[in-house]
């Protein structure tokens, strides 16, 4: 396994850069970011037994970006409470197919996870499983392959950004699950390793033990290097 890139570490709180194509969490026999961080801790601290490592939030397999982990239960619980209380400020970058107009706004939908399927769908507000999905967006510029968006989700639903963009005719590049026609990044033979053009760019939260504000920016991955981004976004 590749060693994870640590973006921030203070006390029991880690923020690492998750590459696309790897699960956030998985059973012990399947590679995941959790397992990579565990291996790093074992090697660095010469640990031989089991130890706690909590994952208070997740990124989809084909998505890259900043991911928080915690070394003990209390820290993980406090971070989870911040996510549940919408106190963590999250910014994503996405390249989507098409020209997005207006150049900024809010998307509000009702959605649900499809039972027995790793996919979500838009439903009516009166659907018994409906959950509100809300995000703010602004166009950072146009690339040769689509619009570069900055997305700030207010809610945290499964595949929310991917579904809300695709429903409006702007699927995220490479996201074939939600209708994308254009590829993104290296086209690995194993489709599970492929990335989509969605990146967790920025996280802002309170340190679970000190209460200090923490701002972390995750650098773009190599898959983004093939796209010439508009100068105003850099």
Protein backbone atom coordinates (compact mmCIF):
# COMPACT_ATOMS: atom_id res chain seq x y z
CA UNK A 1 0.00 0.00 0.00
CA UNK A 2 1.11 3.55 -0.68
CA UNK A 3 1.74 5.62 2.43
CA UNK A 4 -0.97 8.28 2.92
CA UNK A 5 -0.09 11.94 2.56
CA UNK A 6 -0.81 13.71 5.83
CA UNK A 7 -2.18 17.23 5.37
CA UNK A 8 -2.69 17.97 9.07
CA UNK A 9 -1.95 16.24 12.36
CA UNK A 10 -2.46 17.52 15.88
CA UNK A 11 -3.11 15.29 18.85
CA UNK A 12 -5.67 12.60 17.99
CA UNK A 13 -6.80 14.34 14.80
CA UNK A 14 -5.52 13.47 11.30
CA UNK A 15 -6.40 14.90 7.90
CA UNK A 16 -5.04 12.91 4.96
CA UNK A 17 -5.22 13.31 1.19
CA UNK A 18 -7.40 10.52 -0.17
CA UNK A 19 -6.63 9.49 -3.75
CA UNK A 20 -9.44 8.48 -6.07
CA UNK A 21 -10.00 4.78 -6.64
CA UNK A 22 -9.64 3.69 -3.03
CA UNK A 23 -12.38 3.08 -0.48
CA UNK A 24 -12.55 5.16 2.68
CA UNK A 25 -13.28 2.06 4.78
CA UNK A 26 -13.45 -1.63 3.93
CA UNK A 27 -13.03 -5.11 5.44
CA UNK A 28 -9.47 -5.92 6.51
CA UNK A 29 -8.69 -7.87 3.31
CA UNK A 30 -9.61 -4.94 1.03
CA UNK A 31 -7.38 -1.88 0.68
CA UNK A 32 -8.79 1.33 2.14
CA UNK A 33 -7.64 4.70 3.42
CA UNK A 34 -8.36 3.58 6.95
CA UNK A 35 -6.01 0.62 6.44
CA UNK A 36 -3.30 2.80 4.92
CA UNK A 37 -3.38 5.14 7.91
CA UNK A 38 -3.34 2.18 10.31
CA UNK A 39 -0.25 0.82 8.58
CA UNK A 40 1.43 4.21 8.79
CA UNK A 41 0.74 4.42 12.54
CA UNK A 42 1.99 0.87 13.11
CA UNK A 43 5.21 1.58 11.26
CA UNK A 44 5.80 5.00 12.78
CA UNK A 45 4.96 4.04 16.37
CA UNK A 46 6.06 0.39 16.23
CA UNK A 47 2.60 -0.79 17.26
CA UNK A 48 1.88 -4.53 17.13
CA UNK A 49 -1.63 -4.89 18.59
CA UNK A 50 -5.01 -3.46 17.76
CA UNK A 51 -5.75 0.22 18.29
CA UNK A 52 -8.64 2.60 17.68
CA UNK A 53 -8.90 4.68 14.52
CA UNK A 54 -12.20 6.42 13.82
CA UNK A 55 -13.47 7.76 10.49
CA UNK A 56 -16.09 10.46 11.16
CA UNK A 57 -16.76 11.14 7.49
CA UNK A 58 -16.27 9.49 4.12
CA UNK A 59 -15.48 10.22 0.50
CA UNK A 60 -16.82 8.08 -2.34
CA UNK A 61 -14.36 5.67 -3.93
CA UNK A 62 -13.85 7.65 -7.18
CA UNK A 63 -13.54 10.97 -5.30
CA UNK A 64 -10.28 12.47 -4.02
CA UNK A 65 -9.67 15.04 -1.32
CA UNK A 66 -9.29 15.82 2.37
CA UNK A 67 -10.38 13.10 4.78
CA UNK A 68 -10.50 13.34 8.60
CA UNK A 69 -9.61 10.48 10.96
CA UNK A 70 -9.36 10.34 14.75
CA UNK A 71 -7.12 8.37 17.10
CA UNK A 72 -9.58 7.93 19.96
CA UNK A 73 -13.30 7.58 20.57
CA UNK A 74 -13.93 10.96 22.18
CA UNK A 75 -12.26 12.86 19.34
CA UNK A 76 -14.16 10.86 16.73
CA UNK A 77 -17.48 11.43 18.50
CA UNK A 78 -16.90 15.18 18.70
CA UNK A 79 -15.96 15.36 15.03
CA UNK A 80 -18.99 13.26 14.08
CA UNK A 81 -21.18 15.67 16.02
CA UNK A 82 -19.75 18.58 14.05
CA UNK A 83 -20.59 16.85 10.77
CA UNK A 84 -24.09 15.97 12.00
CA UNK A 85 -24.63 19.54 13.18
CA UNK A 86 -23.44 20.97 9.84
CA UNK A 87 -20.60 22.77 11.60
CA UNK A 88 -17.89 21.49 9.24
CA UNK A 89 -17.37 23.75 6.23
CA UNK A 90 -16.72 21.62 3.14
CA UNK A 91 -15.75 22.84 -0.30
CA UNK A 92 -15.52 20.57 -3.35
CA UNK A 93 -14.17 21.25 -6.80
CA UNK A 94 -15.82 19.55 -9.75
CA UNK A 95 -15.50 19.62 -13.50
CA UNK A 96 -18.89 18.99 -15.05
CA UNK A 97 -20.02 18.54 -18.63
CA UNK A 98 -21.64 21.56 -20.25
CA UNK A 99 -21.97 25.27 -19.50
CA UNK A 100 -23.55 25.99 -16.13
CA UNK A 101 -25.88 28.97 -15.87
CA UNK A 102 -26.44 31.03 -13.86
CA UNK A 103 -22.83 31.25 -12.70
CA UNK A 104 -23.79 30.88 -9.04
CA UNK A 105 -26.77 29.71 -7.06
CA UNK A 106 -28.32 27.10 -4.84
CA UNK A 107 -29.56 23.65 -5.78
CA UNK A 108 -32.30 22.15 -3.63
CA UNK A 109 -33.75 18.70 -4.21
CA UNK A 110 -35.28 15.75 -2.40
CA UNK A 111 -33.43 12.49 -2.80
CA UNK A 112 -33.10 9.01 -1.39
CA UNK A 113 -30.68 6.09 -1.51
CA UNK A 114 -32.03 3.33 -3.76
CA UNK A 115 -32.50 0.22 -1.59
CA UNK A 116 -30.02 -2.56 -2.34
CA UNK A 117 -28.06 -0.37 -4.75
CA UNK A 118 -25.06 1.93 -4.30
CA UNK A 119 -26.88 4.79 -6.00
CA UNK A 120 -29.24 7.62 -5.12
CA UNK A 121 -32.14 9.19 -6.97
CA UNK A 122 -34.26 12.33 -6.94
CA UNK A 123 -37.77 11.90 -5.50
CA UNK A 124 -40.68 14.13 -4.66
CA UNK A 125 -40.78 15.92 -1.33
CA UNK A 126 -43.69 13.77 -0.14
CA UNK A 127 -41.85 10.48 -0.76
CA UNK A 128 -41.61 8.56 2.55
CA UNK A 129 -37.83 8.19 2.14
CA UNK A 130 -37.18 11.71 0.86
CA UNK A 131 -34.34 13.68 2.42
CA UNK A 132 -33.54 17.27 1.57
CA UNK A 133 -30.36 17.87 -0.43
CA UNK A 134 -29.07 21.43 -0.56
CA UNK A 135 -25.83 22.93 -1.88
CA UNK A 136 -24.38 26.23 -3.08
CA UNK A 137 -22.26 26.45 -6.21
CA UNK A 138 -20.34 28.97 -8.24
CA UNK A 139 -18.61 28.67 -11.59
CA UNK A 140 -14.86 29.23 -11.30
CA UNK A 141 -14.36 29.13 -15.05
CA UNK A 142 -14.70 27.10 -18.21
CA UNK A 143 -12.20 24.43 -19.29
CA UNK A 144 -11.89 22.70 -22.66
CA UNK A 145 -13.92 19.78 -21.30
CA UNK A 146 -16.49 21.47 -19.08
CA UNK A 147 -17.22 23.94 -16.31
CA UNK A 148 -15.10 24.10 -13.17
CA UNK A 149 -17.41 24.47 -10.18
CA UNK A 150 -16.87 25.21 -6.52
CA UNK A 151 -19.53 23.33 -4.56
CA UNK A 152 -20.44 23.88 -0.92
CA UNK A 153 -22.89 21.25 0.31
CA UNK A 154 -25.18 22.24 3.16
CA UNK A 155 -26.45 18.69 3.65
CA UNK A 156 -24.47 15.48 3.34
CA UNK A 157 -26.43 12.89 1.38
CA UNK A 158 -25.05 9.86 -0.42
CA UNK A 159 -23.73 10.94 -3.86
CA UNK A 160 -25.42 14.31 -3.35
CA UNK A 161 -23.15 16.49 -5.49
CA UNK A 162 -22.94 13.86 -8.22
CA UNK A 163 -26.70 13.38 -8.41
CA UNK A 164 -27.70 17.04 -8.12
CA UNK A 165 -25.29 18.05 -10.89
CA UNK A 166 -26.25 15.18 -13.19
CA UNK A 167 -29.98 15.79 -12.73
CA UNK A 168 -29.50 19.30 -14.12
CA UNK A 169 -27.63 18.02 -17.16
CA UNK A 170 -24.14 18.61 -15.77
CA UNK A 171 -22.72 15.19 -14.84
CA UNK A 172 -19.28 15.13 -13.24
CA UNK A 173 -16.61 14.10 -15.75
CA UNK A 174 -15.93 10.38 -15.57
CA UNK A 175 -19.04 9.65 -13.49
CA UNK A 176 -20.64 7.00 -15.67
CA UNK A 177 -22.93 5.96 -12.81
CA UNK A 178 -24.79 9.25 -13.26
CA UNK A 179 -24.61 9.56 -17.02
CA UNK A 180 -21.24 11.19 -17.80
CA UNK A 181 -20.12 10.81 -21.41
CA UNK A 182 -16.60 12.19 -21.05
CA UNK A 183 -13.80 10.32 -19.25
CA UNK A 184 -11.54 11.75 -16.58
CA UNK A 185 -8.05 10.77 -15.50
CA UNK A 186 -6.26 7.51 -16.19
CA UNK A 187 -8.63 4.93 -17.70
CA UNK A 188 -7.56 1.92 -15.65
CA UNK A 189 -8.64 -1.50 -16.91
CA UNK A 190 -10.25 -2.02 -13.51
CA UNK A 191 -13.03 0.56 -13.52
CA UNK A 192 -13.06 0.64 -9.72
CA UNK A 193 -9.70 2.42 -9.84
CA UNK A 194 -10.90 5.21 -12.11
CA UNK A 195 -11.50 8.70 -10.76
CA UNK A 196 -14.20 11.25 -11.40
CA UNK A 197 -13.61 14.99 -11.51
CA UNK A 198 -14.78 15.62 -7.96
CA UNK A 199 -12.30 16.64 -5.28
CA UNK A 200 -12.75 17.50 -1.60
CA UNK A 201 -10.74 20.70 -1.82
CA UNK A 202 -11.19 22.28 1.62
CA UNK A 203 -12.28 21.38 5.16
CA UNK A 204 -12.75 23.74 8.08
CA UNK A 205 -13.64 22.35 11.52
CA UNK A 206 -12.95 22.77 15.22
CA UNK A 207 -10.21 20.60 16.68
CA UNK A 208 -12.08 18.04 18.80
CA UNK A 209 -9.88 18.57 21.86
CA UNK A 210 -8.62 22.17 21.77
CA UNK A 211 -11.58 23.82 20.03
CA UNK A 212 -9.23 25.72 17.71
CA UNK A 213 -10.36 26.29 14.15
CA UNK A 214 -8.57 24.10 11.62
CA UNK A 215 -8.50 24.90 7.89
CA UNK A 216 -7.07 22.29 5.53
CA UNK A 217 -6.72 22.46 1.74
CA UNK A 218 -6.10 19.28 -0.24
CA UNK A 219 -3.91 19.60 -3.35
CA UNK A 220 -5.36 18.42 -6.63
CA UNK A 221 -4.36 14.93 -7.74
CA UNK A 222 -2.38 13.96 -10.86
CA UNK A 223 -5.59 13.22 -12.77
CA UNK A 224 -6.32 16.94 -12.71
CA UNK A 225 -3.00 17.78 -14.37
CA UNK A 226 -4.34 16.91 -17.82
CA UNK A 227 -6.95 19.68 -17.53
CA UNK A 228 -5.94 23.30 -18.05
CA UNK A 229 -7.77 25.11 -15.28
CA UNK A 230 -8.86 28.73 -15.68
CA UNK A 231 -6.21 31.10 -14.23
CA UNK A 232 -8.71 32.77 -11.91
CA UNK A 233 -9.20 29.47 -10.02
CA UNK A 234 -5.52 28.98 -9.17
